Amino acid sequence: MRRLLVALFCCAATVCALSQSTPPKTDAPAAVEQEGRDGSSYKKAIIIIASNDTAGAAQESEWIRARYPGYRMGKQSTSFYNDKSYDVVHFTDAHDVKHTVYFDITSFYGRK
């Protein structure tokens, strides 16, 4: 009986420890400022470096969330300009101001 209780306690402790672990990090942080790039146009697009679409999309969301807390997502589209791939993201900030941000996604576009 004592062995069963010890085994149950060890299992419970392991589950608690695993549930409190930090989530895996995505690729390079998108929050780093890029000189002369504010995302206001194709030429000033925020460059996202990622290994795949999922990681890239997470970095886009992180960039917006860091600058516009409480934003509401609008439309998102992919477009091409000067042989590069872009995500064009439309959203509304917490003060009901609409924004459009351009992200250069050439590094990962189409990668799974």
N, C-alpha and C. Protein backbone atom coordinates (compact mmCIF):
# COMPACT_ATOMS: atom_id res chain seq x y z
N MET A 1 0.82 -1.20 0.00
CA MET A 1 0.00 0.00 0.00
C MET A 1 0.87 1.26 0.00
N ARG A 2 1.94 1.21 0.80
CA ARG A 2 2.83 2.35 0.90
C ARG A 2 3.48 2.64 -0.46
N ARG A 3 3.88 1.58 -1.19
CA ARG A 3 4.48 1.75 -2.51
C ARG A 3 3.50 2.40 -3.48
N LEU A 4 2.24 2.01 -3.40
CA LEU A 4 1.22 2.59 -4.28
C LEU A 4 1.06 4.08 -4.00
N LEU A 5 1.02 4.47 -2.74
CA LEU A 5 0.90 5.88 -2.39
C LEU A 5 2.11 6.68 -2.86
N VAL A 6 3.30 6.13 -2.71
CA VAL A 6 4.52 6.81 -3.17
C VAL A 6 4.48 6.97 -4.68
N ALA A 7 4.06 5.93 -5.41
CA ALA A 7 3.98 5.99 -6.87
C ALA A 7 2.97 7.04 -7.31
N LEU A 8 1.80 7.09 -6.65
CA LEU A 8 0.79 8.09 -6.99
C LEU A 8 1.31 9.51 -6.72
N PHE A 9 2.01 9.68 -5.60
CA PHE A 9 2.56 10.99 -5.28
C PHE A 9 3.58 11.42 -6.33
N CYS A 10 4.44 10.51 -6.77
CA CYS A 10 5.45 10.82 -7.78
C CYS A 10 4.79 11.20 -9.10
N CYS A 11 3.75 10.47 -9.48
CA CYS A 11 3.03 10.79 -10.72
C CYS A 11 2.39 12.17 -10.63
N ALA A 12 1.76 12.47 -9.50
CA ALA A 12 1.11 13.78 -9.33
C ALA A 12 2.15 14.90 -9.36
N ALA A 13 3.29 14.69 -8.72
CA ALA A 13 4.34 15.71 -8.72
C ALA A 13 4.88 15.95 -10.14
N THR A 14 5.02 14.87 -10.90
CA THR A 14 5.51 14.99 -12.28
C THR A 14 4.52 15.76 -13.14
N VAL A 15 3.24 15.47 -13.00
CA VAL A 15 2.21 16.16 -13.77
C VAL A 15 2.21 17.65 -13.42
N CYS A 16 2.32 17.97 -12.15
CA CYS A 16 2.36 19.39 -11.74
C CYS A 16 3.58 20.09 -12.32
N ALA A 17 4.72 19.44 -12.28
CA ALA A 17 5.94 20.06 -12.80
C ALA A 17 5.85 20.28 -14.30
N LEU A 18 5.30 19.32 -15.03
CA LEU A 18 5.19 19.45 -16.48
C LEU A 18 4.19 20.54 -16.86
N SER A 19 3.12 20.68 -16.12
CA SER A 19 2.11 21.68 -16.46
C SER A 19 2.59 23.10 -16.20
N GLN A 20 3.63 23.26 -15.38
CA GLN A 20 4.14 24.59 -15.08
C GLN A 20 5.36 24.95 -15.91
N SER A 21 5.78 24.08 -16.81
CA SER A 21 6.95 24.39 -17.63
C SER A 21 6.64 25.51 -18.61
N THR A 22 7.65 26.24 -19.00
CA THR A 22 7.44 27.35 -19.92
C THR A 22 7.20 26.83 -21.32
N PRO A 23 6.39 27.55 -22.11
CA PRO A 23 6.11 27.10 -23.46
C PRO A 23 7.36 27.24 -24.32
N PRO A 24 7.47 26.43 -25.38
CA PRO A 24 8.64 26.52 -26.23
C PRO A 24 8.71 27.87 -26.92
N LYS A 25 9.91 28.37 -27.08
CA LYS A 25 10.08 29.66 -27.74
C LYS A 25 9.95 29.51 -29.24
N THR A 26 9.43 30.55 -29.87
CA THR A 26 9.38 30.57 -31.33
C THR A 26 10.74 31.03 -31.83
N ASP A 27 10.86 31.25 -33.11
CA ASP A 27 12.10 31.71 -33.70
C ASP A 27 12.48 33.07 -33.14
N ALA A 28 13.39 33.74 -33.78
CA ALA A 28 13.88 35.04 -33.32
C ALA A 28 12.73 35.96 -32.96
N PRO A 29 12.87 36.73 -31.88
CA PRO A 29 11.77 37.60 -31.45
C PRO A 29 11.46 38.66 -32.49
N ALA A 30 10.17 38.89 -32.71
CA ALA A 30 9.74 39.89 -33.69
C ALA A 30 9.71 41.28 -33.08
N ALA A 31 9.85 41.37 -31.75
CA ALA A 31 9.70 42.66 -31.09
C ALA A 31 10.92 43.56 -31.25
N VAL A 32 11.98 43.06 -31.83
CA VAL A 32 13.18 43.86 -32.04
C VAL A 32 12.89 44.93 -33.09
N GLU A 33 13.20 46.17 -32.74
CA GLU A 33 12.97 47.27 -33.69
C GLU A 33 13.92 47.13 -34.87
N GLN A 34 13.42 47.41 -36.04
CA GLN A 34 14.21 47.36 -37.24
C GLN A 34 14.32 48.77 -37.78
N GLU A 35 15.53 49.25 -37.89
CA GLU A 35 15.76 50.64 -38.25
C GLU A 35 15.02 51.02 -39.54
N GLY A 36 14.21 52.08 -39.45
CA GLY A 36 13.49 52.58 -40.61
C GLY A 36 12.28 51.76 -41.03
N ARG A 37 11.94 50.75 -40.25
CA ARG A 37 10.81 49.88 -40.61
C ARG A 37 9.74 49.97 -39.54
N ASP A 38 8.58 50.48 -39.93
CA ASP A 38 7.46 50.58 -38.99
C ASP A 38 6.25 49.79 -39.45
N GLY A 39 6.37 49.11 -40.61
CA GLY A 39 5.27 48.29 -41.10
C GLY A 39 4.20 49.06 -41.84
N SER A 40 4.46 50.32 -42.16
CA SER A 40 3.44 51.17 -42.77
C SER A 40 3.31 50.99 -44.29
N SER A 41 4.23 50.26 -44.90
CA SER A 41 4.19 50.07 -46.36
C SER A 41 5.03 48.83 -46.71
N TYR A 42 4.99 48.46 -47.99
CA TYR A 42 5.84 47.35 -48.44
C TYR A 42 7.31 47.68 -48.18
N LYS A 43 7.72 48.89 -48.50
CA LYS A 43 9.13 49.28 -48.35
C LYS A 43 9.56 49.38 -46.89
N LYS A 44 8.61 49.59 -45.98
CA LYS A 44 8.93 49.69 -44.56
C LYS A 44 8.40 48.49 -43.78
N ALA A 45 8.16 47.38 -44.49
CA ALA A 45 7.59 46.20 -43.85
C ALA A 45 8.49 45.66 -42.74
N ILE A 46 7.85 45.12 -41.72
CA ILE A 46 8.56 44.45 -40.63
C ILE A 46 9.02 43.10 -41.17
N ILE A 47 10.31 42.84 -41.10
CA ILE A 47 10.85 41.58 -41.61
C ILE A 47 10.71 40.52 -40.54
N ILE A 48 10.05 39.44 -40.89
CA ILE A 48 9.87 38.31 -39.98
C ILE A 48 10.79 37.18 -40.45
N ILE A 49 11.65 36.72 -39.55
CA ILE A 49 12.53 35.59 -39.84
C ILE A 49 11.98 34.41 -39.04
N ALA A 50 11.55 33.37 -39.75
CA ALA A 50 10.97 32.21 -39.08
C ALA A 50 11.26 30.97 -39.92
N SER A 51 11.08 29.81 -39.31
CA SER A 51 11.34 28.55 -40.01
C SER A 51 10.11 28.01 -40.72
N ASN A 52 8.92 28.50 -40.35
CA ASN A 52 7.69 28.01 -40.99
C ASN A 52 6.55 29.00 -40.77
N ASP A 53 5.41 28.71 -41.43
CA ASP A 53 4.25 29.60 -41.36
C ASP A 53 3.73 29.80 -39.94
N THR A 54 3.70 28.73 -39.16
CA THR A 54 3.15 28.82 -37.81
C THR A 54 4.00 29.75 -36.94
N ALA A 55 5.30 29.57 -36.98
CA ALA A 55 6.20 30.42 -36.19
C ALA A 55 6.14 31.87 -36.67
N GLY A 56 6.05 32.06 -37.97
CA GLY A 56 5.97 33.41 -38.52
C GLY A 56 4.70 34.13 -38.11
N ALA A 57 3.58 33.43 -38.17
CA ALA A 57 2.30 34.02 -37.77
C ALA A 57 2.32 34.39 -36.29
N ALA A 58 2.96 33.55 -35.47
CA ALA A 58 3.07 33.85 -34.04
C ALA A 58 3.89 35.12 -33.81
N GLN A 59 4.94 35.32 -34.59
CA GLN A 59 5.75 36.52 -34.45
C GLN A 59 4.99 37.77 -34.90
N GLU A 60 4.19 37.64 -35.94
CA GLU A 60 3.37 38.78 -36.37
C GLU A 60 2.42 39.19 -35.25
N SER A 61 1.74 38.22 -34.68
CA SER A 61 0.80 38.50 -33.58
C SER A 61 1.52 39.12 -32.40
N GLU A 62 2.70 38.61 -32.08
CA GLU A 62 3.49 39.14 -30.97
C GLU A 62 3.86 40.60 -31.22
N TRP A 63 4.26 40.91 -32.45
CA TRP A 63 4.65 42.28 -32.79
C TRP A 63 3.46 43.24 -32.60
N ILE A 64 2.30 42.84 -33.09
CA ILE A 64 1.11 43.69 -32.97
C ILE A 64 0.70 43.81 -31.50
N ARG A 65 0.64 42.70 -30.80
CA ARG A 65 0.20 42.70 -29.39
C ARG A 65 1.10 43.59 -28.53
N ALA A 66 2.41 43.58 -28.80
CA ALA A 66 3.35 44.39 -28.01
C ALA A 66 3.12 45.88 -28.20
N ARG A 67 2.65 46.27 -29.36
CA ARG A 67 2.48 47.68 -29.68
C ARG A 67 1.04 48.18 -29.55
N TYR A 68 0.09 47.27 -29.65
CA TYR A 68 -1.33 47.63 -29.63
C TYR A 68 -2.09 46.68 -28.70
N PRO A 69 -1.84 46.74 -27.40
CA PRO A 69 -2.57 45.84 -26.47
C PRO A 69 -4.08 46.02 -26.64
N GLY A 70 -4.78 44.93 -26.59
CA GLY A 70 -6.23 44.98 -26.71
C GLY A 70 -6.73 45.12 -28.14
N TYR A 71 -5.85 44.88 -29.11
CA TYR A 71 -6.27 45.02 -30.52
C TYR A 71 -7.29 43.95 -30.90
N ARG A 72 -8.05 44.24 -31.95
CA ARG A 72 -9.00 43.27 -32.51
C ARG A 72 -8.60 43.02 -33.95
N MET A 73 -8.42 41.77 -34.26
CA MET A 73 -7.96 41.37 -35.59
C MET A 73 -9.03 41.65 -36.64
N GLY A 74 -8.58 42.13 -37.78
CA GLY A 74 -9.46 42.32 -38.93
C GLY A 74 -9.09 41.33 -40.01
N LYS A 75 -8.91 41.81 -41.22
CA LYS A 75 -8.55 40.93 -42.33
C LYS A 75 -7.04 40.79 -42.43
N GLN A 76 -6.62 39.67 -42.97
CA GLN A 76 -5.21 39.42 -43.26
C GLN A 76 -5.15 38.84 -44.66
N SER A 77 -4.19 39.31 -45.44
CA SER A 77 -4.02 38.77 -46.78
C SER A 77 -2.54 38.64 -47.09
N THR A 78 -2.23 37.77 -48.03
CA THR A 78 -0.86 37.60 -48.50
C THR A 78 -0.76 38.26 -49.87
N SER A 79 0.31 39.01 -50.07
CA SER A 79 0.50 39.66 -51.36
C SER A 79 1.98 39.59 -51.73
N PHE A 80 2.27 39.98 -52.95
CA PHE A 80 3.63 39.90 -53.49
C PHE A 80 4.00 41.24 -54.10
N TYR A 81 5.23 41.69 -53.81
CA TYR A 81 5.70 42.98 -54.29
C TYR A 81 7.22 42.89 -54.46
N ASN A 82 7.71 43.25 -55.64
CA ASN A 82 9.15 43.21 -55.92
C ASN A 82 9.80 41.87 -55.55
N ASP A 83 9.18 40.79 -55.98
CA ASP A 83 9.69 39.43 -55.76
C ASP A 83 9.79 39.02 -54.29
N LYS A 84 9.00 39.64 -53.43
CA LYS A 84 8.95 39.26 -52.02
C LYS A 84 7.51 38.95 -51.63
N SER A 85 7.37 38.18 -50.55
CA SER A 85 6.06 37.80 -50.03
C SER A 85 5.75 38.62 -48.78
N TYR A 86 4.49 39.06 -48.68
CA TYR A 86 4.08 39.90 -47.56
C TYR A 86 2.75 39.43 -47.00
N ASP A 87 2.60 39.58 -45.69
CA ASP A 87 1.30 39.51 -45.04
C ASP A 87 0.89 40.95 -44.78
N VAL A 88 -0.32 41.28 -45.17
CA VAL A 88 -0.87 42.60 -44.90
C VAL A 88 -1.99 42.38 -43.89
N VAL A 89 -1.81 42.94 -42.71
CA VAL A 89 -2.71 42.68 -41.59
C VAL A 89 -3.46 43.97 -41.23
N HIS A 90 -4.79 43.84 -41.19
CA HIS A 90 -5.65 44.96 -40.81
C HIS A 90 -6.23 44.65 -39.43
N PHE A 91 -6.20 45.62 -38.55
CA PHE A 91 -6.75 45.42 -37.21
C PHE A 91 -7.20 46.76 -36.63
N THR A 92 -7.93 46.69 -35.53
CA THR A 92 -8.42 47.87 -34.83
C THR A 92 -7.81 47.86 -33.44
N ASP A 93 -7.26 49.01 -33.01
CA ASP A 93 -6.65 49.06 -31.68
C ASP A 93 -7.72 49.25 -30.61
N ALA A 94 -7.27 49.32 -29.36
CA ALA A 94 -8.19 49.43 -28.23
C ALA A 94 -8.98 50.73 -28.23
N HIS A 95 -8.55 51.72 -29.02
CA HIS A 95 -9.23 53.02 -29.10
C HIS A 95 -10.08 53.14 -30.37
N ASP A 96 -10.35 52.01 -31.01
CA ASP A 96 -11.15 51.93 -32.24
C ASP A 96 -10.50 52.62 -33.44
N VAL A 97 -9.17 52.70 -33.44
CA VAL A 97 -8.43 53.24 -34.58
C VAL A 97 -7.98 52.07 -35.45
N LYS A 98 -8.26 52.16 -36.75
CA LYS A 98 -7.89 51.09 -37.67
C LYS A 98 -6.45 51.25 -38.13
N HIS A 99 -5.77 50.12 -38.25
CA HIS A 99 -4.36 50.10 -38.66
C HIS A 99 -4.15 49.02 -39.72
N THR A 100 -3.13 49.22 -40.54
CA THR A 100 -2.67 48.21 -41.48
C THR A 100 -1.16 48.09 -41.30
N VAL A 101 -0.68 46.85 -41.14
CA VAL A 101 0.75 46.61 -40.98
C VAL A 101 1.19 45.61 -42.03
N TYR A 102 2.35 45.89 -42.63
CA TYR A 102 2.95 45.03 -43.64
C TYR A 102 4.09 44.25 -43.01
N PHE A 103 4.07 42.92 -43.22
CA PHE A 103 5.13 42.05 -42.74
C PHE A 103 5.77 41.36 -43.94
N ASP A 104 7.08 41.43 -44.05
CA ASP A 104 7.84 40.71 -45.08
C ASP A 104 8.01 39.29 -44.58
N ILE A 105 7.37 38.34 -45.24
CA ILE A 105 7.38 36.94 -44.81
C ILE A 105 8.16 36.05 -45.79
N THR A 106 9.01 36.64 -46.58
CA THR A 106 9.74 35.92 -47.61
C THR A 106 10.55 34.76 -47.02
N SER A 107 11.10 34.93 -45.81
CA SER A 107 11.98 33.91 -45.22
C SER A 107 11.28 32.59 -44.97
N PHE A 108 9.97 32.60 -44.78
CA PHE A 108 9.28 31.36 -44.41
C PHE A 108 8.04 31.06 -45.24
N TYR A 109 7.63 31.95 -46.12
CA TYR A 109 6.36 31.78 -46.83
C TYR A 109 6.28 30.41 -47.51
N GLY A 110 5.23 29.68 -47.20
CA GLY A 110 4.98 28.37 -47.81
C GLY A 110 5.64 27.20 -47.13
N ARG A 111 6.39 27.45 -46.06
CA ARG A 111 7.04 26.35 -45.34
C ARG A 111 6.13 25.84 -44.25
N LYS A 112 6.05 24.57 -44.11
CA LYS A 112 5.18 23.95 -43.10
C LYS A 112 5.92 23.71 -41.82
